[in-house]
Structures are given as C-alpha cells and as structure tokens.
C-alpha cells in the first residue's frame, strides 16, 4: 500500500519547506536514538506478526519532530497516514468520518491531542480499544445505539502537555515516547543535512554557529538556516561561514544563547521589575503587553 495524505487546501511555502527537510525513514533520523530504537523494535515486531502497530503517544516540547516521527512510522509500516489535530475535532461526528475511511493498518495522527473535547475523547475510547464506534440514531424513546466495526488501525498522538490528557485516554496507548531537546552535535548534523537538501554552501563553522543558537530544537535550526541563507546570498558571497552566520543571526536578534528580543525582554522584566521573581504569568503578560499564551 502506498502512503498518502489527506488533501490539503493551500499548502504554504513554509510547510513545503518544512516537509522537504524532514527525514522519511528511521535510518535518516538524527538524534532521539532511544526513541528511534524503541520504534524500530515495535515496528519490526508488528511487521513479523502481521498486525498494526500499537497506539503511540509522543510527548515533549514543540519542534522536536513528533509530526515527523508519525510520518516516518507510516512510511516504515508501508501504510497511509491521515493527519488531523485536537482542535479540529469538535464533535464525535468529525472523528467518525475519518475512522470509517481508514484501511487495515492505516495511521491516524492527532496533533495537540490534549485539546480534544471530552465528548470526542469518549468517542475515541472504543475505537482505540475494540476497533469499533458507537453512535446514536433518533432521539427520545426511539433512540438506538448502533455499533460500527472499524478496520484495525494505529493511532499516533502528539502533545506538548501530557499532564492534560485524561487517565482513560492515556491508558489506551501501548507505546509512550518522550522527545527531549537535541544536543548541539546532533543539531549540527541536521543543519548540514538541511543545507545539502537546499543546496546551500555552508562551512562547518557556519553550521555549528546555527546549531549553537537553536536551543536544542530542529525546527528552530531549520528556520535559522533559511534566514542565514538569505543573508549570505544578499550580504556575502552566498557561502555560510561562521562569521556570516554570526552576523546574520545577530541581525535577526538571536543572541549566542538562542534568545530573541521577546525572550530577553521577559527575563529583563522578571529581574528588574520583580526582583528575580516569583511572578504570576498574568502580571508578566500585562507588564510586557503580551498575551498570556505568547
């Protein structure tokens, strides 16, 4: 079975750029070696048994590759992946249409799974556990519950806030993996790989400078690489050297620790206005004139 995605309207240039840099197999993945090896074992065992992979929960800070790993798992299982998110599933009916169209062994990826409503969560329980869904037709005295049997599938869910998941939902996952921040050397390999894909000439010093300021996050590393690429093309010879990378990142307001202007303002406010803290998030947001969720 070939892999495919749900049709997406208006895929942005940013999304196309991100996809072009994503690894497509476990062998192409850099970093998170314990997670990769665990997935490799689980996938091979499922293959040998001829069964779908057990449901997987990926959790950790944003930008570390949870979506990428979901796509890699689908590719390794040689199956289709259908992608959605917690906020997009407002009612059980939204999920019903997706689940009934899944084929044997398909992967359903739900990003931000902690934002599922309780009603959708409860609709998902029998689908995960028994591969069936229950839905009610008619109302009042004529109401009837019908059971629809689903083809066995794999749910991969991603969250940055695992503590918000209800216990019944969490217990229905068989595989749990926590993604941690990447080491600088791992980010160095990622920057080199991305530069090669983008056909951007880069020296080791330039790649390391980008990696050093990426705060352990591949998404940030790839975003900074693109900004440095533009700067090198316009302000230098097009080659990303250590000096060019440093100049470009300074110009973007990203300092040696990877902090941007808002990060520095936040720390400065805590130190100067609140004597180093503690300080409540609402007070901090009001002082900075920013939204609490920023």
C-alpha atoms as a PDB file:
ATOM      1  CA  UNK A   1       0.000   0.000   0.000  1.00  0.00           C
ATOM      2  CA  UNK A   2       1.375   3.393  -0.875  1.00  0.00           C
ATOM      3  CA  UNK A   3       1.464   6.268   1.541  1.00  0.00           C
ATOM      4  CA  UNK A   4      -0.733   9.296   1.022  1.00  0.00           C
ATOM      5  CA  UNK A   5      -2.080  12.262   2.947  1.00  0.00           C
ATOM      6  CA  UNK A   6      -5.495  13.855   3.197  1.00  0.00           C
ATOM      7  CA  UNK A   7      -5.888  16.566   0.560  1.00  0.00           C
ATOM      8  CA  UNK A   8      -4.827  19.932   1.942  1.00  0.00           C
ATOM      9  CA  UNK A   9      -6.028  23.238   0.600  1.00  0.00           C
ATOM     10  CA  UNK A  10      -3.359  25.832   0.007  1.00  0.00           C
ATOM     11  CA  UNK A  11      -0.197  24.260   1.396  1.00  0.00           C
ATOM     12  CA  UNK A  12       2.043  27.204   2.254  1.00  0.00           C
ATOM     13  CA  UNK A  13       5.605  27.699   1.084  1.00  0.00           C
ATOM     14  CA  UNK A  14       6.683  27.391   4.723  1.00  0.00           C
ATOM     15  CA  UNK A  15       5.013  23.977   5.019  1.00  0.00           C
ATOM     16  CA  UNK A  16       6.556  22.794   1.737  1.00  0.00           C
ATOM     17  CA  UNK A  17       9.960  23.920   3.018  1.00  0.00           C
ATOM     18  CA  UNK A  18       9.497  22.068   6.312  1.00  0.00           C
ATOM     19  CA  UNK A  19       8.390  18.876   4.560  1.00  0.00           C
ATOM     20  CA  UNK A  20      11.370  18.933   2.204  1.00  0.00           C
ATOM     21  CA  UNK A  21      13.744  18.785   5.175  1.00  0.00           C
ATOM     22  CA  UNK A  22      12.003  16.025   7.112  1.00  0.00           C
ATOM     23  CA  UNK A  23      13.558  12.550   7.234  1.00  0.00           C
ATOM     24  CA  UNK A  24      11.429   9.871   5.630  1.00  0.00           C
ATOM     25  CA  UNK A  25      12.831   6.732   7.266  1.00  0.00           C
ATOM     26  CA  UNK A  26      14.161   5.775  10.689  1.00  0.00           C
ATOM     27  CA  UNK A  27      17.660   5.484   9.227  1.00  0.00           C
ATOM     28  CA  UNK A  28      17.519   9.139   8.143  1.00  0.00           C
ATOM     29  CA  UNK A  29      16.513  10.351  11.616  1.00  0.00           C
ATOM     30  CA  UNK A  30      19.144  12.209  13.630  1.00  0.00           C
ATOM     31  CA  UNK A  31      19.071  12.279  17.435  1.00  0.00           C
ATOM     32  CA  UNK A  32      16.465  10.789  19.805  1.00  0.00           C
ATOM     33  CA  UNK A  33      18.273   7.474  19.464  1.00  0.00           C
ATOM     34  CA  UNK A  34      16.449   5.737  22.321  1.00  0.00           C
ATOM     35  CA  UNK A  35      13.095   6.723  20.810  1.00  0.00           C
ATOM     36  CA  UNK A  36      14.163   5.671  17.314  1.00  0.00           C
ATOM     37  CA  UNK A  37      15.431   2.293  18.508  1.00  0.00           C
ATOM     38  CA  UNK A  38      12.249   1.700  20.508  1.00  0.00           C
ATOM     39  CA  UNK A  39      10.095   2.467  17.468  1.00  0.00           C
ATOM     40  CA  UNK A  40      12.296   0.274  15.273  1.00  0.00           C
ATOM     41  CA  UNK A  41      11.742  -2.704  17.585  1.00  0.00           C
ATOM     42  CA  UNK A  42       7.983  -2.098  17.862  1.00  0.00           C
ATOM     43  CA  UNK A  43       7.587  -1.703  14.096  1.00  0.00           C
ATOM     44  CA  UNK A  44       9.587  -4.827  13.284  1.00  0.00           C
ATOM     45  CA  UNK A  45       7.631  -6.877  15.835  1.00  0.00           C
ATOM     46  CA  UNK A  46       4.314  -5.672  14.380  1.00  0.00           C
ATOM     47  CA  UNK A  47       5.538  -6.481  10.865  1.00  0.00           C
ATOM     48  CA  UNK A  48       6.531 -10.012  11.846  1.00  0.00           C
ATOM     49  CA  UNK A  49       3.130 -10.629  13.436  1.00  0.00           C
ATOM     50  CA  UNK A  50       1.294  -9.047  10.515  1.00  0.00           C
ATOM     51  CA  UNK A  51      -0.510  -6.680  12.875  1.00  0.00           C
ATOM     52  CA  UNK A  52      -0.932  -2.909  13.029  1.00  0.00           C
ATOM     53  CA  UNK A  53       1.458  -1.121  15.362  1.00  0.00           C
ATOM     54  CA  UNK A  54       0.129  -0.488  18.854  1.00  0.00           C
ATOM     55  CA  UNK A  55      -1.163   3.034  19.552  1.00  0.00           C
ATOM     56  CA  UNK A  56       1.660   5.527  20.147  1.00  0.00           C
ATOM     57  CA  UNK A  57       1.808   8.661  22.314  1.00  0.00           C
ATOM     58  CA  UNK A  58       4.633  11.096  21.543  1.00  0.00           C
ATOM     59  CA  UNK A  59       5.155  13.917  24.014  1.00  0.00           C
ATOM     60  CA  UNK A  60       7.709  16.659  24.510  1.00  0.00           C
ATOM     61  CA  UNK A  61       8.413  20.326  23.733  1.00  0.00           C
ATOM     62  CA  UNK A  62       7.368  21.748  20.339  1.00  0.00           C
ATOM     63  CA  UNK A  63       9.637  21.498  17.318  1.00  0.00           C
ATOM     64  CA  UNK A  64      11.397  18.239  18.211  1.00  0.00           C
ATOM     65  CA  UNK A  65       9.905  16.047  15.472  1.00  0.00           C
ATOM     66  CA  UNK A  66       6.684  14.464  16.726  1.00  0.00           C
ATOM     67  CA  UNK A  67       4.882  15.039  13.424  1.00  0.00           C
ATOM     68  CA  UNK A  68       7.952  13.877  11.521  1.00  0.00           C
ATOM     69  CA  UNK A  69       8.102  10.639  13.512  1.00  0.00           C
ATOM     70  CA  UNK A  70       4.424   9.948  12.834  1.00  0.00           C
ATOM     71  CA  UNK A  71       5.068  10.204   9.094  1.00  0.00           C
ATOM     72  CA  UNK A  72       8.205   8.079   9.400  1.00  0.00           C
ATOM     73  CA  UNK A  73       6.288   5.348  11.241  1.00  0.00           C
ATOM     74  CA  UNK A  74       3.654   5.281   8.480  1.00  0.00           C
ATOM     75  CA  UNK A  75       6.401   5.028   5.859  1.00  0.00           C
ATOM     76  CA  UNK A  76       8.153   2.215   7.735  1.00  0.00           C
ATOM     77  CA  UNK A  77       4.849   0.338   8.057  1.00  0.00           C
ATOM     78  CA  UNK A  78       4.211   0.996   4.332  1.00  0.00           C
ATOM     79  CA  UNK A  79       0.778   2.397   5.000  1.00  0.00           C
ATOM     80  CA  UNK A  80      -1.318   5.543   4.666  1.00  0.00           C
ATOM     81  CA  UNK A  81      -1.308   8.371   7.209  1.00  0.00           C
ATOM     82  CA  UNK A  82      -4.262  10.656   7.891  1.00  0.00           C
ATOM     83  CA  UNK A  83      -3.426  13.811   9.836  1.00  0.00           C
ATOM     84  CA  UNK A  84      -5.675  15.967  11.995  1.00  0.00           C
ATOM     85  CA  UNK A  85      -5.493  17.858  15.296  1.00  0.00           C
ATOM     86  CA  UNK A  86      -7.341  18.067  18.582  1.00  0.00           C
ATOM     87  CA  UNK A  87      -8.911  21.494  17.954  1.00  0.00           C
ATOM     88  CA  UNK A  88     -10.187  20.360  14.523  1.00  0.00           C
ATOM     89  CA  UNK A  89     -12.244  17.543  16.047  1.00  0.00           C
ATOM     90  CA  UNK A  90     -15.144  19.350  17.688  1.00  0.00           C
ATOM     91  CA  UNK A  91     -17.690  16.510  17.687  1.00  0.00           C
ATOM     92  CA  UNK A  92     -17.712  12.738  17.531  1.00  0.00           C
ATOM     93  CA  UNK A  93     -19.084  13.007  14.002  1.00  0.00           C
ATOM     94  CA  UNK A  94     -15.885  14.741  12.874  1.00  0.00           C
ATOM     95  CA  UNK A  95     -13.917  11.708  14.011  1.00  0.00           C
ATOM     96  CA  UNK A  96     -16.462   9.214  12.685  1.00  0.00           C
ATOM     97  CA  UNK A  97     -15.860  10.228   9.079  1.00  0.00           C
ATOM     98  CA  UNK A  98     -12.108   9.804   9.472  1.00  0.00           C
ATOM     99  CA  UNK A  99     -12.199   6.476  11.315  1.00  0.00           C
ATOM    100  CA  UNK A 100     -14.615   4.786   8.913  1.00  0.00           C
ATOM    101  CA  UNK A 101     -12.377   5.639   5.957  1.00  0.00           C
ATOM    102  CA  UNK A 102      -9.237   4.096   7.458  1.00  0.00           C
ATOM    103  CA  UNK A 103      -7.994   0.872   5.892  1.00  0.00           C
ATOM    104  CA  UNK A 104      -6.300  -2.023   7.679  1.00  0.00           C
ATOM    105  CA  UNK A 105      -3.097  -0.844   9.347  1.00  0.00           C
ATOM    106  CA  UNK A 106      -3.507   2.845   8.471  1.00  0.00           C
ATOM    107  CA  UNK A 107      -2.075   5.505  10.774  1.00  0.00           C
ATOM    108  CA  UNK A 108      -4.268   8.246  12.226  1.00  0.00           C
ATOM    109  CA  UNK A 109      -2.141  11.106  13.561  1.00  0.00           C
ATOM    110  CA  UNK A 110      -3.761  13.537  16.004  1.00  0.00           C
ATOM    111  CA  UNK A 111      -1.618  16.533  16.901  1.00  0.00           C
ATOM    112  CA  UNK A 112      -2.345  18.514  20.075  1.00  0.00           C
ATOM    113  CA  UNK A 113      -4.317  15.557  21.378  1.00  0.00           C
ATOM    114  CA  UNK A 114      -4.599  17.241  24.798  1.00  0.00           C
ATOM    115  CA  UNK A 115      -7.067  19.688  23.205  1.00  0.00           C
ATOM    116  CA  UNK A 116      -9.657  17.029  22.363  1.00  0.00           C
ATOM    117  CA  UNK A 117     -13.045  17.670  23.944  1.00  0.00           C
ATOM    118  CA  UNK A 118     -14.315  15.142  26.470  1.00  0.00           C
ATOM    119  CA  UNK A 119     -17.081  14.047  24.069  1.00  0.00           C
ATOM    120  CA  UNK A 120     -14.571  13.285  21.299  1.00  0.00           C
ATOM    121  CA  UNK A 121     -12.287  11.507  23.774  1.00  0.00           C
ATOM    122  CA  UNK A 122     -15.108   9.215  24.858  1.00  0.00           C
ATOM    123  CA  UNK A 123     -15.991   8.528  21.223  1.00  0.00           C
ATOM    124  CA  UNK A 124     -12.354   7.523  20.671  1.00  0.00           C
ATOM    125  CA  UNK A 125     -12.114   5.028  23.555  1.00  0.00           C
ATOM    126  CA  UNK A 126     -13.857   2.037  21.882  1.00  0.00           C
ATOM    127  CA  UNK A 127     -12.172   2.866  18.577  1.00  0.00           C
ATOM    128  CA  UNK A 128      -8.751   2.503  20.194  1.00  0.00           C
ATOM    129  CA  UNK A 129      -9.573  -0.470  22.383  1.00  0.00           C
ATOM    130  CA  UNK A 130     -12.014  -2.576  20.359  1.00  0.00           C
ATOM    131  CA  UNK A 131     -11.783  -1.025  16.862  1.00  0.00           C
ATOM    132  CA  UNK A 132     -15.425  -0.066  16.852  1.00  0.00           C
ATOM    133  CA  UNK A 133     -17.502   3.071  17.338  1.00  0.00           C
ATOM    134  CA  UNK A 134     -20.922   3.508  18.872  1.00  0.00           C
ATOM    135  CA  UNK A 135     -23.297   6.131  17.581  1.00  0.00           C
ATOM    136  CA  UNK A 136     -26.879   7.028  18.432  1.00  0.00           C
ATOM    137  CA  UNK A 137     -29.625   7.464  15.856  1.00  0.00           C
ATOM    138  CA  UNK A 138     -33.022   9.031  16.503  1.00  0.00           C
ATOM    139  CA  UNK A 139     -33.957  10.697  19.770  1.00  0.00           C
ATOM    140  CA  UNK A 140     -36.046  10.118  22.838  1.00  0.00           C
ATOM    141  CA  UNK A 141     -37.924   6.826  23.095  1.00  0.00           C
ATOM    142  CA  UNK A 142     -36.849   5.852  19.571  1.00  0.00           C
ATOM    143  CA  UNK A 143     -33.127   6.364  20.190  1.00  0.00           C
ATOM    144  CA  UNK A 144     -30.941   3.399  19.256  1.00  0.00           C
ATOM    145  CA  UNK A 145     -27.228   2.773  19.622  1.00  0.00           C
ATOM    146  CA  UNK A 146     -25.525   1.179  16.645  1.00  0.00           C
ATOM    147  CA  UNK A 147     -22.051  -0.308  16.649  1.00  0.00           C
ATOM    148  CA  UNK A 148     -19.813   0.070  13.603  1.00  0.00           C
ATOM    149  CA  UNK A 149     -16.755  -2.172  13.333  1.00  0.00           C
ATOM    150  CA  UNK A 150     -13.561  -0.465  12.176  1.00  0.00           C
ATOM    151  CA  UNK A 151     -10.562  -1.924  10.433  1.00  0.00           C
ATOM    152  CA  UNK A 152      -7.622  -2.216  12.859  1.00  0.00           C
ATOM    153  CA  UNK A 153      -5.518   0.957  12.718  1.00  0.00           C
ATOM    154  CA  UNK A 154      -2.757   2.728  14.622  1.00  0.00           C
ATOM    155  CA  UNK A 155      -3.387   5.994  16.440  1.00  0.00           C
ATOM    156  CA  UNK A 156      -0.318   8.184  16.885  1.00  0.00           C
ATOM    157  CA  UNK A 157      -0.985  11.168  19.117  1.00  0.00           C
ATOM    158  CA  UNK A 158       1.318  14.082  19.879  1.00  0.00           C
ATOM    159  CA  UNK A 159       1.191  16.532  22.748  1.00  0.00           C
ATOM    160  CA  UNK A 160       3.337  19.141  24.429  1.00  0.00           C
ATOM    161  CA  UNK A 161       1.255  18.809  27.607  1.00  0.00           C
ATOM    162  CA  UNK A 162       0.807  15.131  28.529  1.00  0.00           C
ATOM    163  CA  UNK A 163      -0.427  16.053  32.003  1.00  0.00           C
ATOM    164  CA  UNK A 164      -3.646  17.394  30.462  1.00  0.00           C
ATOM    165  CA  UNK A 165      -4.571  14.004  28.996  1.00  0.00           C
ATOM    166  CA  UNK A 166      -7.280  12.176  30.898  1.00  0.00           C
ATOM    167  CA  UNK A 167      -6.262   8.933  32.546  1.00  0.00           C
ATOM    168  CA  UNK A 168      -8.643   6.756  30.439  1.00  0.00           C
ATOM    169  CA  UNK A 169      -7.200   8.137  27.197  1.00  0.00           C
ATOM    170  CA  UNK A 170      -3.600   7.849  28.342  1.00  0.00           C
ATOM    171  CA  UNK A 171      -4.089   4.233  29.421  1.00  0.00           C
ATOM    172  CA  UNK A 172      -5.237   3.208  25.938  1.00  0.00           C
ATOM    173  CA  UNK A 173      -1.832   3.895  24.399  1.00  0.00           C
ATOM    174  CA  UNK A 174       0.557   0.960  24.314  1.00  0.00           C
ATOM    175  CA  UNK A 175       3.728   2.846  23.349  1.00  0.00           C
ATOM    176  CA  UNK A 176       4.960   6.022  25.050  1.00  0.00           C
ATOM    177  CA  UNK A 177       7.958   8.071  23.948  1.00  0.00           C
ATOM    178  CA  UNK A 178       9.236  11.353  25.352  1.00  0.00           C
ATOM    179  CA  UNK A 179      11.228  13.558  22.980  1.00  0.00           C
ATOM    180  CA  UNK A 180      13.950  15.643  24.604  1.00  0.00           C
ATOM    181  CA  UNK A 181      15.998  18.578  23.342  1.00  0.00           C
ATOM    182  CA  UNK A 182      18.785  17.765  20.866  1.00  0.00           C
ATOM    183  CA  UNK A 183      22.495  18.018  21.604  1.00  0.00           C
ATOM    184  CA  UNK A 184      24.490  20.636  19.696  1.00  0.00           C
ATOM    185  CA  UNK A 185      26.336  17.973  17.680  1.00  0.00           C
ATOM    186  CA  UNK A 186      23.007  16.427  16.642  1.00  0.00           C
ATOM    187  CA  UNK A 187      21.732  19.815  15.512  1.00  0.00           C
ATOM    188  CA  UNK A 188      24.994  20.296  13.625  1.00  0.00           C
ATOM    189  CA  UNK A 189      24.221  17.151  11.598  1.00  0.00           C
ATOM    190  CA  UNK A 190      20.671  18.374  10.995  1.00  0.00           C
ATOM    191  CA  UNK A 191      21.869  21.770   9.739  1.00  0.00           C
ATOM    192  CA  UNK A 192      24.389  20.105   7.404  1.00  0.00           C
ATOM    193  CA  UNK A 193      21.730  17.730   6.070  1.00  0.00           C
ATOM    194  CA  UNK A 194      19.223  20.544   5.518  1.00  0.00           C
ATOM    195  CA  UNK A 195      21.839  22.717   3.810  1.00  0.00           C
ATOM    196  CA  UNK A 196      22.663  19.833   1.470  1.00  0.00           C
ATOM    197  CA  UNK A 197      18.987  19.337   0.589  1.00  0.00           C
ATOM    198  CA  UNK A 198      18.582  23.071  -0.042  1.00  0.00           C
ATOM    199  CA  UNK A 199      21.875  23.156  -1.974  1.00  0.00           C
ATOM    200  CA  UNK A 200      23.235  25.889   0.282  1.00  0.00           C
ATOM    201  CA  UNK A 201      27.054  26.061   0.541  1.00  0.00           C
ATOM    202  CA  UNK A 202      27.926  26.005   4.230  1.00  0.00           C
ATOM    203  CA  UNK A 203      31.155  25.610   6.186  1.00  0.00           C
ATOM    204  CA  UNK A 204      31.379  23.613   9.405  1.00  0.00           C
ATOM    205  CA  UNK A 205      31.831  26.795  11.413  1.00  0.00           C
ATOM    206  CA  UNK A 206      28.662  28.288   9.949  1.00  0.00           C
ATOM    207  CA  UNK A 207      26.665  25.126  10.613  1.00  0.00           C
ATOM    208  CA  UNK A 208      27.892  24.997  14.200  1.00  0.00           C
ATOM    209  CA  UNK A 209      27.026  28.650  14.805  1.00  0.00           C
ATOM    210  CA  UNK A 210      23.456  27.993  13.678  1.00  0.00           C
ATOM    211  CA  UNK A 211      23.255  24.811  15.763  1.00  0.00           C
ATOM    212  CA  UNK A 212      24.586  26.614  18.840  1.00  0.00           C
ATOM    213  CA  UNK A 213      21.826  29.222  18.694  1.00  0.00           C
ATOM    214  CA  UNK A 214      18.964  26.808  18.001  1.00  0.00           C
ATOM    215  CA  UNK A 215      18.093  25.992  21.617  1.00  0.00           C
ATOM    216  CA  UNK A 216      18.183  22.251  21.051  1.00  0.00           C
ATOM    217  CA  UNK A 217      15.291  22.382  18.581  1.00  0.00           C
ATOM    218  CA  UNK A 218      15.472  21.179  14.940  1.00  0.00           C
ATOM    219  CA  UNK A 219      12.547  23.374  13.875  1.00  0.00           C
ATOM    220  CA  UNK A 220      14.429  26.451  15.078  1.00  0.00           C
ATOM    221  CA  UNK A 221      17.653  25.239  13.431  1.00  0.00           C
ATOM    222  CA  UNK A 222      15.958  24.871  10.045  1.00  0.00           C
ATOM    223  CA  UNK A 223      14.248  28.252  10.372  1.00  0.00           C
ATOM    224  CA  UNK A 224      17.518  29.982  11.262  1.00  0.00           C
ATOM    225  CA  UNK A 225      19.277  28.226   8.382  1.00  0.00           C
ATOM    226  CA  UNK A 226      16.835  29.772   5.940  1.00  0.00           C
ATOM    227  CA  UNK A 227      17.315  33.245   7.413  1.00  0.00           C
ATOM    228  CA  UNK A 228      21.103  32.894   7.293  1.00  0.00           C
ATOM    229  CA  UNK A 229      20.891  31.586   3.724  1.00  0.00           C
ATOM    230  CA  UNK A 230      19.056  34.763   2.668  1.00  0.00           C
ATOM    231  CA  UNK A 231      21.564  36.983   4.469  1.00  0.00           C
ATOM    232  CA  UNK A 232      24.539  35.165   2.931  1.00  0.00           C
ATOM    233  CA  UNK A 233      23.015  35.455  -0.532  1.00  0.00           C
ATOM    234  CA  UNK A 234      22.449  39.220  -0.289  1.00  0.00           C
ATOM    235  CA  UNK A 235      25.171  40.454   2.066  1.00  0.00           C
ATOM    236  CA  UNK A 236      28.002  37.975   1.427  1.00  0.00           C
ATOM    237  CA  UNK A 237      29.237  35.589  -1.245  1.00  0.00           C
ATOM    238  CA  UNK A 238      26.433  33.087  -0.679  1.00  0.00           C
ATOM    239  CA  UNK A 239      28.609  30.767   1.396  1.00  0.00           C
ATOM    240  CA  UNK A 240      27.603  30.425   5.050  1.00  0.00           C
ATOM    241  CA  UNK A 241      30.774  30.808   7.092  1.00  0.00           C
ATOM    242  CA  UNK A 242      30.964  31.144  10.871  1.00  0.00           C
ATOM    243  CA  UNK A 243      31.319  34.919  10.537  1.00  0.00           C
ATOM    244  CA  UNK A 244      28.409  35.230   8.098  1.00  0.00           C
ATOM    245  CA  UNK A 245      26.179  33.052  10.306  1.00  0.00           C
ATOM    246  CA  UNK A 246      27.039  35.117  13.385  1.00  0.00           C
ATOM    247  CA  UNK A 247      26.360  38.397  11.555  1.00  0.00           C
ATOM    248  CA  UNK A 248      23.067  37.118  10.158  1.00  0.00           C
ATOM    249  CA  UNK A 249      21.809  35.817  13.490  1.00  0.00           C
ATOM    250  CA  UNK A 250      22.846  38.990  15.303  1.00  0.00           C
ATOM    251  CA  UNK A 251      20.940  40.921  12.646  1.00  0.00           C
ATOM    252  CA  UNK A 252      17.886  38.731  13.311  1.00  0.00           C
ATOM    253  CA  UNK A 253      18.184  39.497  17.028  1.00  0.00           C
ATOM    254  CA  UNK A 254      19.115  35.943  18.015  1.00  0.00           C
ATOM    255  CA  UNK A 255      21.933  36.044  20.575  1.00  0.00           C
ATOM    256  CA  UNK A 256      24.596  33.477  21.416  1.00  0.00           C
ATOM    257  CA  UNK A 257      22.208  31.532  23.661  1.00  0.00           C
ATOM    258  CA  UNK A 258      19.465  31.474  21.042  1.00  0.00           C
ATOM    259  CA  UNK A 259      17.309  34.058  22.815  1.00  0.00           C
ATOM    260  CA  UNK A 260      15.328  36.568  20.765  1.00  0.00           C
ATOM    261  CA  UNK A 261      14.149  40.045  21.716  1.00  0.00           C
ATOM    262  CA  UNK A 262      10.973  38.882  23.448  1.00  0.00           C
ATOM    263  CA  UNK A 263      12.899  36.268  25.434  1.00  0.00           C
ATOM    264  CA  UNK A 264      15.330  38.908  26.668  1.00  0.00           C
ATOM    265  CA  UNK A 265      12.507  41.323  27.499  1.00  0.00           C
ATOM    266  CA  UNK A 266      10.813  38.629  29.558  1.00  0.00           C
ATOM    267  CA  UNK A 267      13.959  37.835  31.542  1.00  0.00           C
ATOM    268  CA  UNK A 268      14.762  41.524  31.989  1.00  0.00           C
ATOM    269  CA  UNK A 269      11.257  42.197  33.289  1.00  0.00           C
ATOM    270  CA  UNK A 270      11.473  39.377  35.837  1.00  0.00           C
ATOM    271  CA  UNK A 271      14.854  40.615  37.059  1.00  0.00           C
ATOM    272  CA  UNK A 272      14.243  44.373  37.057  1.00  0.00           C
ATOM    273  CA  UNK A 273      10.522  44.701  37.778  1.00  0.00           C
ATOM    274  CA  UNK A 274      10.019  41.711  40.048  1.00  0.00           C
ATOM    275  CA  UNK A 275      13.470  41.323  41.636  1.00  0.00           C
ATOM    276  CA  UNK A 276      14.009  37.934  40.038  1.00  0.00           C
ATOM    277  CA  UNK A 277      10.561  36.553  40.839  1.00  0.00           C
ATOM    278  CA  UNK A 278       8.435  34.726  41.582  1.00  0.00           C
ATOM    279  CA  UNK A 279       5.875  36.451  39.378  1.00  0.00           C
ATOM    280  CA  UNK A 280       2.492  35.325  38.075  1.00  0.00           C
ATOM    281  CA  UNK A 281       2.001  34.769  34.355  1.00  0.00           C
ATOM    282  CA  UNK A 282      -0.861  37.288  34.193  1.00  0.00           C
ATOM    283  CA  UNK A 283       1.229  40.025  35.813  1.00  0.00           C
ATOM    284  CA  UNK A 284       4.134  39.253  33.491  1.00  0.00           C
ATOM    285  CA  UNK A 285       1.907  39.377  30.401  1.00  0.00           C
ATOM    286  CA  UNK A 286       0.417  42.704  31.499  1.00  0.00           C
ATOM    287  CA  UNK A 287       3.856  44.223  32.083  1.00  0.00           C
ATOM    288  CA  UNK A 288       5.097  43.078  28.673  1.00  0.00           C
ATOM    289  CA  UNK A 289       1.806  43.980  26.965  1.00  0.00           C
ATOM    290  CA  UNK A 290       1.658  40.456  25.532  1.00  0.00           C
ATOM    291  CA  UNK A 291      -0.956  37.709  25.529  1.00  0.00           C
ATOM    292  CA  UNK A 292      -0.675  35.086  28.277  1.00  0.00           C
ATOM    293  CA  UNK A 293      -0.264  32.331  25.656  1.00  0.00           C
ATOM    294  CA  UNK A 294       2.702  34.057  23.963  1.00  0.00           C
END
